[in-house]
PDB file of N, CA and C in Angstrom:
ATOM      1  N   MET A   1     -14.537  29.087  -6.821  1.00  0.00           N
ATOM      2  CA  MET A   1     -14.014  27.809  -6.437  1.00  0.00           C
ATOM      3  C   MET A   1     -14.241  26.668  -7.456  1.00  0.00           C
ATOM      4  N   SER A   2     -13.410  25.853  -7.745  1.00  0.00           N
ATOM      5  CA  SER A   2     -13.694  24.679  -8.753  1.00  0.00           C
ATOM      6  C   SER A   2     -14.491  23.639  -7.858  1.00  0.00           C
ATOM      7  N   LYS A   3     -14.969  22.669  -8.683  1.00  0.00           N
ATOM      8  CA  LYS A   3     -15.826  21.568  -8.041  1.00  0.00           C
ATOM      9  C   LYS A   3     -14.813  20.676  -7.050  1.00  0.00           C
ATOM     10  N   PRO A   4     -15.300  20.170  -5.924  1.00  0.00           N
ATOM     11  CA  PRO A   4     -14.510  19.373  -4.973  1.00  0.00           C
ATOM     12  C   PRO A   4     -13.880  18.177  -5.610  1.00  0.00           C
ATOM     13  N   ILE A   5     -12.829  17.928  -4.980  1.00  0.00           N
ATOM     14  CA  ILE A   5     -11.945  16.647  -5.354  1.00  0.00           C
ATOM     15  C   ILE A   5     -12.831  15.357  -5.014  1.00  0.00           C
ATOM     16  N   GLU A   6     -12.938  14.503  -5.942  1.00  0.00           N
ATOM     17  CA  GLU A   6     -13.625  13.323  -5.645  1.00  0.00           C
ATOM     18  C   GLU A   6     -12.997  11.995  -5.164  1.00  0.00           C
ATOM     19  N   GLY A   7     -11.597  12.030  -5.243  1.00  0.00           N
ATOM     20  CA  GLY A   7     -10.832  10.823  -4.849  1.00  0.00           C
ATOM     21  C   GLY A   7      -9.457  11.064  -5.041  1.00  0.00           C
ATOM     22  N   LEU A   8      -8.725   9.908  -4.705  1.00  0.00           N
ATOM     23  CA  LEU A   8      -7.246  10.066  -4.749  1.00  0.00           C
ATOM     24  C   LEU A   8      -6.681   8.724  -5.268  1.00  0.00           C
ATOM     25  N   ILE A   9      -5.771   8.836  -6.151  1.00  0.00           N
ATOM     26  CA  ILE A   9      -5.036   7.593  -6.676  1.00  0.00           C
ATOM     27  C   ILE A   9      -3.542   7.813  -6.376  1.00  0.00           C
ATOM     28  N   THR A  10      -2.869   6.938  -5.582  1.00  0.00           N
ATOM     29  CA  THR A  10      -1.306   6.960  -5.647  1.00  0.00           C
ATOM     30  C   THR A  10      -0.776   6.083  -6.436  1.00  0.00           C
ATOM     31  N   PHE A  11       0.132   6.510  -7.348  1.00  0.00           N
ATOM     32  CA  PHE A  11       0.628   5.495  -8.247  1.00  0.00           C
ATOM     33  C   PHE A  11       2.065   5.084  -7.774  1.00  0.00           C
ATOM     34  N   LEU A  12       2.346   3.770  -7.776  1.00  0.00           N
ATOM     35  CA  LEU A  12       3.589   3.139  -7.491  1.00  0.00           C
ATOM     36  C   LEU A  12       4.184   2.383  -8.721  1.00  0.00           C
ATOM     37  N   TYR A  13       5.483   2.392  -8.981  1.00  0.00           N
ATOM     38  CA  TYR A  13       6.055   2.013 -10.268  1.00  0.00           C
ATOM     39  C   TYR A  13       6.807   0.683  -9.978  1.00  0.00           C
ATOM     40  N   TYR A  14       6.629  -0.264 -10.697  1.00  0.00           N
ATOM     41  CA  TYR A  14       7.198  -1.725 -10.615  1.00  0.00           C
ATOM     42  C   TYR A  14       7.924  -2.298 -11.631  1.00  0.00           C
ATOM     43  N   ASN A  15       9.129  -2.939 -11.457  1.00  0.00           N
ATOM     44  CA  ASN A  15       9.667  -3.695 -12.377  1.00  0.00           C
ATOM     45  C   ASN A  15       8.955  -5.113 -12.641  1.00  0.00           C
ATOM     46  N   ASP A  16       8.340  -5.695 -11.652  1.00  0.00           N
ATOM     47  CA  ASP A  16       7.508  -6.841 -11.804  1.00  0.00           C
ATOM     48  C   ASP A  16       6.186  -6.552 -11.262  1.00  0.00           C
ATOM     49  N   LEU A  17       5.343  -6.072 -12.353  1.00  0.00           N
ATOM     50  CA  LEU A  17       3.839  -5.675 -12.038  1.00  0.00           C
ATOM     51  C   LEU A  17       2.994  -7.007 -11.652  1.00  0.00           C
ATOM     52  N   GLU A  18       3.397  -8.071 -12.088  1.00  0.00           N
ATOM     53  CA  GLU A  18       2.486  -9.167 -11.836  1.00  0.00           C
ATOM     54  C   GLU A  18       2.771  -9.643 -10.411  1.00  0.00           C
ATOM     55  N   ARG A  19       3.875  -9.552  -9.919  1.00  0.00           N
ATOM     56  CA  ARG A  19       4.325  -9.845  -8.427  1.00  0.00           C
ATOM     57  C   ARG A  19       3.766  -8.938  -7.547  1.00  0.00           C
ATOM     58  N   ALA A  20       3.649  -7.535  -7.890  1.00  0.00           N
ATOM     59  CA  ALA A  20       3.133  -6.599  -7.046  1.00  0.00           C
ATOM     60  C   ALA A  20       1.513  -6.762  -7.094  1.00  0.00           C
ATOM     61  N   THR A  21       0.990  -6.884  -8.173  1.00  0.00           N
ATOM     62  CA  THR A  21      -0.411  -7.214  -8.203  1.00  0.00           C
ATOM     63  C   THR A  21      -0.941  -8.268  -7.321  1.00  0.00           C
ATOM     64  N   LYS A  22      -0.184  -9.286  -7.501  1.00  0.00           N
ATOM     65  CA  LYS A  22      -0.492 -10.564  -6.507  1.00  0.00           C
ATOM     66  C   LYS A  22      -0.427 -10.124  -5.171  1.00  0.00           C
ATOM     67  N   PHE A  23       0.547  -9.349  -4.723  1.00  0.00           N
ATOM     68  CA  PHE A  23       0.668  -8.899  -3.389  1.00  0.00           C
ATOM     69  C   PHE A  23      -0.499  -8.104  -2.857  1.00  0.00           C
ATOM     70  N   TYR A  24      -0.877  -7.078  -3.642  1.00  0.00           N
ATOM     71  CA  TYR A  24      -1.875  -6.176  -3.244  1.00  0.00           C
ATOM     72  C   TYR A  24      -3.343  -6.678  -3.195  1.00  0.00           C
ATOM     73  N   GLU A  25      -3.424  -7.741  -4.143  1.00  0.00           N
ATOM     74  CA  GLU A  25      -4.648  -8.369  -4.363  1.00  0.00           C
ATOM     75  C   GLU A  25      -4.885  -9.445  -3.438  1.00  0.00           C
ATOM     76  N   GLU A  26      -3.886 -10.390  -3.389  1.00  0.00           N
ATOM     77  CA  GLU A  26      -4.014 -11.780  -2.635  1.00  0.00           C
ATOM     78  C   GLU A  26      -3.573 -11.538  -1.207  1.00  0.00           C
ATOM     79  N   ILE A  27      -2.584 -10.756  -0.963  1.00  0.00           N
ATOM     80  CA  ILE A  27      -2.041 -10.578   0.484  1.00  0.00           C
ATOM     81  C   ILE A  27      -2.871  -9.474   1.198  1.00  0.00           C
ATOM     82  N   LEU A  28      -2.890  -8.340   0.645  1.00  0.00           N
ATOM     83  CA  LEU A  28      -3.592  -7.142   1.219  1.00  0.00           C
ATOM     84  C   LEU A  28      -5.012  -7.249   1.129  1.00  0.00           C
ATOM     85  N   GLY A  29      -5.378  -8.058   0.119  1.00  0.00           N
ATOM     86  CA  GLY A  29      -6.886  -8.183   0.126  1.00  0.00           C
ATOM     87  C   GLY A  29      -7.554  -6.994  -0.579  1.00  0.00           C
ATOM     88  N   LEU A  30      -6.885  -6.115  -1.399  1.00  0.00           N
ATOM     89  CA  LEU A  30      -7.501  -4.969  -1.926  1.00  0.00           C
ATOM     90  C   LEU A  30      -8.279  -5.445  -3.293  1.00  0.00           C
ATOM     91  N   GLU A  31      -9.226  -4.666  -3.522  1.00  0.00           N
ATOM     92  CA  GLU A  31     -10.021  -4.969  -4.761  1.00  0.00           C
ATOM     93  C   GLU A  31      -9.539  -4.419  -5.918  1.00  0.00           C
ATOM     94  N   LEU A  32      -9.255  -4.991  -7.018  1.00  0.00           N
ATOM     95  CA  LEU A  32      -8.712  -4.451  -8.242  1.00  0.00           C
ATOM     96  C   LEU A  32     -10.146  -3.939  -8.890  1.00  0.00           C
ATOM     97  N   VAL A  33     -10.161  -2.587  -9.138  1.00  0.00           N
ATOM     98  CA  VAL A  33     -11.417  -2.007  -9.541  1.00  0.00           C
ATOM     99  C   VAL A  33     -11.166  -1.519 -11.110  1.00  0.00           C
ATOM    100  N   ILE A  34      -9.897  -1.325 -11.575  1.00  0.00           N
ATOM    101  CA  ILE A  34      -9.619  -0.898 -13.006  1.00  0.00           C
ATOM    102  C   ILE A  34      -8.229  -1.576 -13.374  1.00  0.00           C
ATOM    103  N   ASP A  35      -8.504  -2.475 -14.436  1.00  0.00           N
ATOM    104  CA  ASP A  35      -7.281  -3.208 -14.969  1.00  0.00           C
ATOM    105  C   ASP A  35      -7.025  -2.637 -16.301  1.00  0.00           C
ATOM    106  N   GLN A  36      -5.932  -1.702 -16.375  1.00  0.00           N
ATOM    107  CA  GLN A  36      -5.601  -1.112 -17.750  1.00  0.00           C
ATOM    108  C   GLN A  36      -4.456  -1.892 -18.385  1.00  0.00           C
ATOM    109  N   GLY A  37      -4.206  -3.069 -18.023  1.00  0.00           N
ATOM    110  CA  GLY A  37      -3.064  -3.869 -18.546  1.00  0.00           C
ATOM    111  C   GLY A  37      -1.807  -3.498 -17.762  1.00  0.00           C
ATOM    112  N   TRP A  38      -1.163  -2.494 -18.327  1.00  0.00           N
ATOM    113  CA  TRP A  38       0.141  -2.149 -17.623  1.00  0.00           C
ATOM    114  C   TRP A  38      -0.060  -1.219 -16.397  1.00  0.00           C
ATOM    115  N   ALA A  39      -1.381  -0.936 -15.998  1.00  0.00           N
ATOM    116  CA  ALA A  39      -1.655  -0.149 -14.717  1.00  0.00           C
ATOM    117  C   ALA A  39      -2.888  -0.915 -14.140  1.00  0.00           C
ATOM    118  N   LYS A  40      -2.725  -1.101 -12.935  1.00  0.00           N
ATOM    119  CA  LYS A  40      -3.927  -1.796 -12.106  1.00  0.00           C
ATOM    120  C   LYS A  40      -4.166  -0.888 -10.868  1.00  0.00           C
ATOM    121  N   ILE A  41      -5.497  -0.494 -10.719  1.00  0.00           N
ATOM    122  CA  ILE A  41      -5.985   0.346  -9.719  1.00  0.00           C
ATOM    123  C   ILE A  41      -6.760  -0.329  -8.787  1.00  0.00           C
ATOM    124  N   PHE A  42      -6.271  -0.264  -7.606  1.00  0.00           N
ATOM    125  CA  PHE A  42      -6.998  -1.128  -6.359  1.00  0.00           C
ATOM    126  C   PHE A  42      -7.772  -0.040  -5.439  1.00  0.00           C
ATOM    127  N   LYS A  43      -8.821  -0.445  -5.053  1.00  0.00           N
ATOM    128  CA  LYS A  43      -9.587   0.276  -4.125  1.00  0.00           C
ATOM    129  C   LYS A  43      -8.949   0.091  -2.701  1.00  0.00           C
ATOM    130  N   VAL A  44      -8.631   1.157  -1.938  1.00  0.00           N
ATOM    131  CA  VAL A  44      -8.228   1.079  -0.598  1.00  0.00           C
ATOM    132  C   VAL A  44      -9.481   1.171   0.308  1.00  0.00           C
ATOM    133  N   CYS A  45     -10.057   2.109   0.045  1.00  0.00           N
ATOM    134  CA  CYS A  45     -11.376   2.507   0.737  1.00  0.00           C
ATOM    135  C   CYS A  45     -12.117   3.612  -0.085  1.00  0.00           C
ATOM    136  N   GLU A  46     -13.332   3.937   0.608  1.00  0.00           N
ATOM    137  CA  GLU A  46     -14.182   4.829  -0.324  1.00  0.00           C
ATOM    138  C   GLU A  46     -13.394   6.006  -0.774  1.00  0.00           C
ATOM    139  N   ASN A  47     -13.366   6.363  -2.144  1.00  0.00           N
ATOM    140  CA  ASN A  47     -12.494   7.304  -2.909  1.00  0.00           C
ATOM    141  C   ASN A  47     -10.973   7.398  -2.617  1.00  0.00           C
ATOM    142  N   ALA A  48     -10.411   6.286  -2.146  1.00  0.00           N
ATOM    143  CA  ALA A  48      -8.834   6.221  -2.079  1.00  0.00           C
ATOM    144  C   ALA A  48      -8.452   5.038  -2.748  1.00  0.00           C
ATOM    145  N   HIS A  49      -7.405   5.161  -3.681  1.00  0.00           N
ATOM    146  CA  HIS A  49      -6.887   3.977  -4.461  1.00  0.00           C
ATOM    147  C   HIS A  49      -5.445   3.983  -4.469  1.00  0.00           C
ATOM    148  N   VAL A  50      -4.822   2.927  -4.816  1.00  0.00           N
ATOM    149  CA  VAL A  50      -3.455   2.797  -4.979  1.00  0.00           C
ATOM    150  C   VAL A  50      -3.368   2.234  -6.507  1.00  0.00           C
ATOM    151  N   GLY A  51      -2.441   2.851  -7.265  1.00  0.00           N
ATOM    152  CA  GLY A  51      -2.200   2.276  -8.552  1.00  0.00           C
ATOM    153  C   GLY A  51      -0.935   1.718  -8.805  1.00  0.00           C
ATOM    154  N   LEU A  52      -0.844   0.553  -9.383  1.00  0.00           N
ATOM    155  CA  LEU A  52       0.397  -0.271  -9.679  1.00  0.00           C
ATOM    156  C   LEU A  52       0.719  -0.059 -11.088  1.00  0.00           C
ATOM    157  N   VAL A  53       1.916   0.370 -11.445  1.00  0.00           N
ATOM    158  CA  VAL A  53       2.306   0.724 -12.881  1.00  0.00           C
ATOM    159  C   VAL A  53       3.485  -0.055 -13.246  1.00  0.00           C
ATOM    160  N   ASP A  54       3.393  -0.614 -14.522  1.00  0.00           N
ATOM    161  CA  ASP A  54       4.546  -1.366 -15.096  1.00  0.00           C
ATOM    162  C   ASP A  54       5.481  -0.305 -15.348  1.00  0.00           C
ATOM    163  N   GLY A  55       6.782  -0.401 -14.674  1.00  0.00           N
ATOM    164  CA  GLY A  55       7.780   0.683 -14.775  1.00  0.00           C
ATOM    165  C   GLY A  55       8.345   0.892 -16.206  1.00  0.00           C
ATOM    166  N   LYS A  56       8.087   0.043 -17.049  1.00  0.00           N
ATOM    167  CA  LYS A  56       8.397   0.116 -18.640  1.00  0.00           C
ATOM    168  C   LYS A  56       7.500   1.058 -19.356  1.00  0.00           C
ATOM    169  N   ARG A  57       6.377   1.362 -18.821  1.00  0.00           N
ATOM    170  CA  ARG A  57       5.265   1.987 -19.580  1.00  0.00           C
ATOM    171  C   ARG A  57       4.858   3.265 -18.909  1.00  0.00           C
ATOM    172  N   GLY A  58       4.966   3.327 -17.728  1.00  0.00           N
ATOM    173  CA  GLY A  58       4.340   4.598 -16.949  1.00  0.00           C
ATOM    174  C   GLY A  58       5.234   5.848 -17.182  1.00  0.00           C
ATOM    175  N   TYR A  59       4.792   6.928 -16.397  1.00  0.00           N
ATOM    176  CA  TYR A  59       5.358   8.146 -16.505  1.00  0.00           C
ATOM    177  C   TYR A  59       6.768   8.100 -15.867  1.00  0.00           C
ATOM    178  N   HIS A  60       6.774   7.475 -14.923  1.00  0.00           N
ATOM    179  CA  HIS A  60       8.053   7.309 -13.933  1.00  0.00           C
ATOM    180  C   HIS A  60       8.800   5.943 -14.261  1.00  0.00           C
ATOM    181  N   ARG A  61      10.012   5.923 -13.722  1.00  0.00           N
ATOM    182  CA  ARG A  61      10.629   4.497 -13.924  1.00  0.00           C
ATOM    183  C   ARG A  61      10.768   4.030 -12.410  1.00  0.00           C
ATOM    184  N   PRO A  62      10.690   2.647 -12.130  1.00  0.00           N
ATOM    185  CA  PRO A  62      11.045   2.192 -10.722  1.00  0.00           C
ATOM    186  C   PRO A  62      12.449   2.678 -10.403  1.00  0.00           C
ATOM    187  N   ASN A  63      12.592   2.941  -9.042  1.00  0.00           N
ATOM    188  CA  ASN A  63      13.878   3.403  -8.552  1.00  0.00           C
ATOM    189  C   ASN A  63      14.143   2.580  -7.238  1.00  0.00           C
ATOM    190  N   PRO A  64      15.288   2.208  -7.008  1.00  0.00           N
ATOM    191  CA  PRO A  64      15.704   1.446  -5.671  1.00  0.00           C
ATOM    192  C   PRO A  64      15.372   2.336  -4.438  1.00  0.00           C
ATOM    193  N   ILE A  65      15.474   3.582  -4.551  1.00  0.00           N
ATOM    194  CA  ILE A  65      15.033   4.459  -3.511  1.00  0.00           C
ATOM    195  C   ILE A  65      13.461   4.769  -3.520  1.00  0.00           C
ATOM    196  N   LYS A  66      12.726   4.397  -2.447  1.00  0.00           N
ATOM    197  CA  LYS A  66      11.356   4.452  -2.543  1.00  0.00           C
ATOM    198  C   LYS A  66      10.912   5.630  -1.456  1.00  0.00           C
ATOM    199  N   PRO A  67      10.762   6.891  -1.945  1.00  0.00           N
ATOM    200  CA  PRO A  67      10.523   8.085  -1.101  1.00  0.00           C
ATOM    201  C   PRO A  67       8.879   8.240  -0.638  1.00  0.00           C
ATOM    202  N   VAL A  68       8.343   7.221  -1.117  1.00  0.00           N
ATOM    203  CA  VAL A  68       6.871   7.156  -0.679  1.00  0.00           C
ATOM    204  C   VAL A  68       6.519   6.203   0.306  1.00  0.00           C
ATOM    205  N   MET A  69       5.756   6.328   1.159  1.00  0.00           N
ATOM    206  CA  MET A  69       5.204   5.493   2.196  1.00  0.00           C
ATOM    207  C   MET A  69       3.573   5.489   1.983  1.00  0.00           C
ATOM    208  N   VAL A  70       3.145   4.290   1.831  1.00  0.00           N
ATOM    209  CA  VAL A  70       1.633   4.056   1.817  1.00  0.00           C
ATOM    210  C   VAL A  70       1.141   3.717   3.237  1.00  0.00           C
ATOM    211  N   THR A  71       0.140   4.449   3.827  1.00  0.00           N
ATOM    212  CA  THR A  71      -0.387   4.131   5.138  1.00  0.00           C
ATOM    213  C   THR A  71      -1.792   3.491   4.980  1.00  0.00           C
ATOM    214  N   LEU A  72      -1.998   2.422   5.546  1.00  0.00           N
ATOM    215  CA  LEU A  72      -3.355   1.837   5.587  1.00  0.00           C
ATOM    216  C   LEU A  72      -3.979   1.936   7.024  1.00  0.00           C
ATOM    217  N   VAL A  73      -5.059   2.568   7.098  1.00  0.00           N
ATOM    218  CA  VAL A  73      -5.544   2.669   8.394  1.00  0.00           C
ATOM    219  C   VAL A  73      -6.524   1.586   8.726  1.00  0.00           C
ATOM    220  N   VAL A  74      -6.341   0.956   9.898  1.00  0.00           N
ATOM    221  CA  VAL A  74      -7.105  -0.329  10.185  1.00  0.00           C
ATOM    222  C   VAL A  74      -7.600  -0.129  11.597  1.00  0.00           C
ATOM    223  N   SER A  75      -8.473  -0.994  11.956  1.00  0.00           N
ATOM    224  CA  SER A  75      -9.201  -0.915  13.460  1.00  0.00           C
ATOM    225  C   SER A  75      -8.273  -1.842  14.217  1.00  0.00           C
ATOM    226  N   ASP A  76      -7.588  -2.987  13.787  1.00  0.00           N
ATOM    227  CA  ASP A  76      -6.859  -3.764  14.719  1.00  0.00           C
ATOM    228  C   ASP A  76      -5.321  -4.060  14.121  1.00  0.00           C
ATOM    229  N   VAL A  77      -4.463  -3.215  14.487  1.00  0.00           N
ATOM    230  CA  VAL A  77      -3.059  -3.327  13.903  1.00  0.00           C
ATOM    231  C   VAL A  77      -2.408  -4.735  14.322  1.00  0.00           C
ATOM    232  N   ASP A  78      -2.682  -5.217  15.592  1.00  0.00           N
ATOM    233  CA  ASP A  78      -2.042  -6.675  15.985  1.00  0.00           C
ATOM    234  C   ASP A  78      -2.532  -7.741  15.124  1.00  0.00           C
ATOM    235  N   SER A  79      -3.711  -7.630  14.816  1.00  0.00           N
ATOM    236  CA  SER A  79      -4.352  -8.841  13.952  1.00  0.00           C
ATOM    237  C   SER A  79      -3.669  -8.857  12.484  1.00  0.00           C
ATOM    238  N   TRP A  80      -3.585  -7.594  12.030  1.00  0.00           N
ATOM    239  CA  TRP A  80      -2.943  -7.441  10.665  1.00  0.00           C
ATOM    240  C   TRP A  80      -1.494  -7.838  10.798  1.00  0.00           C
ATOM    241  N   TYR A  81      -0.751  -7.609  11.858  1.00  0.00           N
ATOM    242  CA  TYR A  81       0.671  -7.943  12.066  1.00  0.00           C
ATOM    243  C   TYR A  81       0.648  -9.509  11.937  1.00  0.00           C
ATOM    244  N   ARG A  82      -0.219 -10.164  12.875  1.00  0.00           N
ATOM    245  CA  ARG A  82      -0.065 -11.648  12.803  1.00  0.00           C
ATOM    246  C   ARG A  82      -0.512 -12.202  11.442  1.00  0.00           C
ATOM    247  N   TYR A  83      -1.570 -11.734  10.833  1.00  0.00           N
ATOM    248  CA  TYR A  83      -1.936 -12.236   9.521  1.00  0.00           C
ATOM    249  C   TYR A  83      -0.671 -12.051   8.568  1.00  0.00           C
ATOM    250  N   LEU A  84      -0.140 -11.012   8.510  1.00  0.00           N
ATOM    251  CA  LEU A  84       0.935 -10.622   7.499  1.00  0.00           C
ATOM    252  C   LEU A  84       2.101 -11.519   7.710  1.00  0.00           C
ATOM    253  N   LYS A  85       2.475 -11.668   9.155  1.00  0.00           N
ATOM    254  CA  LYS A  85       3.670 -12.520   9.535  1.00  0.00           C
ATOM    255  C   LYS A  85       3.426 -14.000   9.083  1.00  0.00           C
ATOM    256  N   GLY A  86       1.982 -14.454   9.152  1.00  0.00           N
ATOM    257  CA  GLY A  86       1.726 -15.705   8.782  1.00  0.00           C
ATOM    258  C   GLY A  86       1.749 -15.906   7.287  1.00  0.00           C
ATOM    259  N   LYS A  87       1.685 -14.794   6.367  1.00  0.00           N
ATOM    260  CA  LYS A  87       1.994 -14.836   5.001  1.00  0.00           C
ATOM    261  C   LYS A  87       3.274 -14.712   4.559  1.00  0.00           C
ATOM    262  N   ASN A  88       4.282 -14.708   5.706  1.00  0.00           N
ATOM    263  CA  ASN A  88       5.691 -14.494   5.380  1.00  0.00           C
ATOM    264  C   ASN A  88       5.998 -13.079   4.749  1.00  0.00           C
ATOM    265  N   VAL A  89       5.241 -12.009   5.053  1.00  0.00           N
ATOM    266  CA  VAL A  89       5.452 -10.768   4.435  1.00  0.00           C
ATOM    267  C   VAL A  89       6.708 -10.085   5.394  1.00  0.00           C
ATOM    268  N   LYS A  90       7.477  -9.441   4.785  1.00  0.00           N
ATOM    269  CA  LYS A  90       8.666  -8.964   5.404  1.00  0.00           C
ATOM    270  C   LYS A  90       8.299  -7.553   6.176  1.00  0.00           C
ATOM    271  N   THR A  91       8.383  -7.796   7.369  1.00  0.00           N
ATOM    272  CA  THR A  91       7.986  -6.622   8.520  1.00  0.00           C
ATOM    273  C   THR A  91       9.250  -5.933   8.910  1.00  0.00           C
ATOM    274  N   LEU A  92       9.210  -4.621   8.818  1.00  0.00           N
ATOM    275  CA  LEU A  92      10.326  -3.802   9.334  1.00  0.00           C
ATOM    276  C   LEU A  92      10.302  -3.559  10.924  1.00  0.00           C
ATOM    277  N   THR A  93       9.127  -3.503  11.431  1.00  0.00           N
ATOM    278  CA  THR A  93       8.977  -3.254  12.891  1.00  0.00           C
ATOM    279  C   THR A  93       7.756  -4.129  13.427  1.00  0.00           C
ATOM    280  N   GLU A  94       7.889  -4.411  14.702  1.00  0.00           N
ATOM    281  CA  GLU A  94       6.648  -4.880  15.311  1.00  0.00           C
ATOM    282  C   GLU A  94       5.681  -3.815  15.717  1.00  0.00           C
ATOM    283  N   PRO A  95       4.355  -4.242  15.951  1.00  0.00           N
ATOM    284  CA  PRO A  95       3.415  -3.176  16.378  1.00  0.00           C
ATOM    285  C   PRO A  95       4.042  -2.431  17.668  1.00  0.00           C
ATOM    286  N   ARG A  96       3.812  -1.138  17.617  1.00  0.00           N
ATOM    287  CA  ARG A  96       4.187  -0.227  18.760  1.00  0.00           C
ATOM    288  C   ARG A  96       3.233   1.063  18.761  1.00  0.00           C
ATOM    289  N   ASP A  97       3.085   1.420  19.982  1.00  0.00           N
ATOM    290  CA  ASP A  97       2.424   2.722  20.275  1.00  0.00           C
ATOM    291  C   ASP A  97       3.308   3.947  20.134  1.00  0.00           C
ATOM    292  N   ASN A  98       2.746   4.913  19.504  1.00  0.00           N
ATOM    293  CA  ASN A  98       3.309   6.206  19.470  1.00  0.00           C
ATOM    294  C   ASN A  98       2.492   7.228  20.227  1.00  0.00           C
ATOM    295  N   LYS A  99       2.719   7.445  21.441  1.00  0.00           N
ATOM    296  CA  LYS A  99       1.918   8.276  22.366  1.00  0.00           C
ATOM    297  C   LYS A  99       1.986   9.774  21.838  1.00  0.00           C
ATOM    298  N   GLU A 100       3.011  10.258  21.299  1.00  0.00           N
ATOM    299  CA  GLU A 100       3.137  11.618  20.838  1.00  0.00           C
ATOM    300  C   GLU A 100       2.011  11.817  19.634  1.00  0.00           C
ATOM    301  N   LEU A 101       1.960  10.861  18.858  1.00  0.00           N
ATOM    302  CA  LEU A 101       0.978  10.833  17.605  1.00  0.00           C
ATOM    303  C   LEU A 101      -0.355  10.173  17.827  1.00  0.00           C
ATOM    304  N   ASN A 102      -0.520   9.511  18.937  1.00  0.00           N
ATOM    305  CA  ASN A 102      -1.830   8.833  19.277  1.00  0.00           C
ATOM    306  C   ASN A 102      -2.084   7.701  18.240  1.00  0.00           C
ATOM    307  N   ILE A 103      -1.077   6.905  17.973  1.00  0.00           N
ATOM    308  CA  ILE A 103      -1.377   5.880  16.913  1.00  0.00           C
ATOM    309  C   ILE A 103      -0.728   4.590  17.395  1.00  0.00           C
ATOM    310  N   ARG A 104      -1.013   3.521  16.969  1.00  0.00           N
ATOM    311  CA  ARG A 104      -0.497   2.181  17.069  1.00  0.00           C
ATOM    312  C   ARG A 104      -0.099   1.784  15.659  1.00  0.00           C
ATOM    313  N   THR A 105       1.031   1.302  15.386  1.00  0.00           N
ATOM    314  CA  THR A 105       1.600   1.159  14.021  1.00  0.00           C
ATOM    315  C   THR A 105       2.548   0.113  13.868  1.00  0.00           C
ATOM    316  N   PHE A 106       2.868  -0.396  12.721  1.00  0.00           N
ATOM    317  CA  PHE A 106       4.006  -1.232  12.315  1.00  0.00           C
ATOM    318  C   PHE A 106       4.142  -1.013  10.774  1.00  0.00           C
ATOM    319  N   LEU A 107       5.515  -1.363  10.373  1.00  0.00           N
ATOM    320  CA  LEU A 107       5.884  -1.229   8.951  1.00  0.00           C
ATOM    321  C   LEU A 107       6.220  -2.489   8.444  1.00  0.00           C
ATOM    322  N   LEU A 108       5.803  -2.523   7.036  1.00  0.00           N
ATOM    323  CA  LEU A 108       6.312  -3.674   6.269  1.00  0.00           C
ATOM    324  C   LEU A 108       6.703  -3.098   4.909  1.00  0.00           C
ATOM    325  N   GLU A 109       7.378  -4.212   4.095  1.00  0.00           N
ATOM    326  CA  GLU A 109       7.686  -3.955   2.663  1.00  0.00           C
ATOM    327  C   GLU A 109       6.882  -4.673   1.761  1.00  0.00           C
ATOM    328  N   ASP A 110       6.576  -3.963   0.673  1.00  0.00           N
ATOM    329  CA  ASP A 110       5.980  -4.693  -0.373  1.00  0.00           C
ATOM    330  C   ASP A 110       7.052  -5.532  -1.166  1.00  0.00           C
ATOM    331  N   PRO A 111       6.671  -6.216  -2.463  1.00  0.00           N
ATOM    332  CA  PRO A 111       7.693  -7.043  -3.067  1.00  0.00           C
ATOM    333  C   PRO A 111       8.801  -6.176  -3.604  1.00  0.00           C
ATOM    334  N   GLU A 112       8.704  -4.892  -3.835  1.00  0.00           N
ATOM    335  CA  GLU A 112       9.889  -4.124  -4.402  1.00  0.00           C
ATOM    336  C   GLU A 112      10.393  -3.095  -3.380  1.00  0.00           C
ATOM    337  N   GLY A 113       9.958  -3.117  -2.248  1.00  0.00           N
ATOM    338  CA  GLY A 113      10.691  -2.249  -1.178  1.00  0.00           C
ATOM    339  C   GLY A 113       9.823  -1.034  -0.930  1.00  0.00           C
ATOM    340  N   TYR A 114       8.692  -0.797  -1.359  1.00  0.00           N
ATOM    341  CA  TYR A 114       7.873   0.201  -1.011  1.00  0.00           C
ATOM    342  C   TYR A 114       7.511   0.145   0.528  1.00  0.00           C
ATOM    343  N   ILE A 115       7.501   1.008   1.429  1.00  0.00           N
ATOM    344  CA  ILE A 115       7.206   0.755   2.889  1.00  0.00           C
ATOM    345  C   ILE A 115       5.568   0.905   2.924  1.00  0.00           C
ATOM    346  N   ILE A 116       4.998   0.100   3.592  1.00  0.00           N
ATOM    347  CA  ILE A 116       3.598   0.237   3.935  1.00  0.00           C
ATOM    348  C   ILE A 116       3.477   0.312   5.551  1.00  0.00           C
ATOM    349  N   GLU A 117       2.791   1.304   5.903  1.00  0.00           N
ATOM    350  CA  GLU A 117       2.493   1.435   7.337  1.00  0.00           C
ATOM    351  C   GLU A 117       1.007   1.024   7.665  1.00  0.00           C
ATOM    352  N   ILE A 118       0.798   0.089   8.587  1.00  0.00           N
ATOM    353  CA  ILE A 118      -0.382  -0.274   9.040  1.00  0.00           C
ATOM    354  C   ILE A 118      -0.607   0.459  10.425  1.00  0.00           C
ATOM    355  N   GLU A 119      -1.747   1.280  10.346  1.00  0.00           N
ATOM    356  CA  GLU A 119      -1.940   2.216  11.489  1.00  0.00           C
ATOM    357  C   GLU A 119      -3.223   2.243  12.112  1.00  0.00           C
ATOM    358  N   HIS A 120      -3.387   2.605  13.430  1.00  0.00           N
ATOM    359  CA  HIS A 120      -4.632   2.850  14.073  1.00  0.00           C
ATOM    360  C   HIS A 120      -4.421   4.052  14.833  1.00  0.00           C
ATOM    361  N   PHE A 121      -5.512   4.991  14.742  1.00  0.00           N
ATOM    362  CA  PHE A 121      -5.594   6.232  15.479  1.00  0.00           C
ATOM    363  C   PHE A 121      -6.369   5.834  16.739  1.00  0.00           C
ATOM    364  N   TYR A 122      -5.751   6.356  17.918  1.00  0.00           N
ATOM    365  CA  TYR A 122      -6.460   6.083  19.218  1.00  0.00           C
ATOM    366  C   TYR A 122      -7.701   7.078  19.193  1.00  0.00           C
TER     367      TYR A 122
END
């Protein structure tokens, strides 16, 4: 067996990297840990990161169809909802319970349409 995996970075591709960077840093409050110019890597939590990439430079190109959803696990879904609504973030749903999955959750969109789920496990 090879050595264990040490972390995860999910890369998202943007037409307007500056706008996306501002959203993840200033609105979501994520810490920018690596700035490579056309790629920005933010720490989500221990060993989990999200990378924002300039769509003109990265491996992929931005696409209007976003088949990826980023889920951020939090302790208080409702306070996140109130906070983000106060920042005029586009929310797609209100907080709701899913008894089948034992979660409380709501959905929002980032500046270029990636869906972000804010979630708490019961």
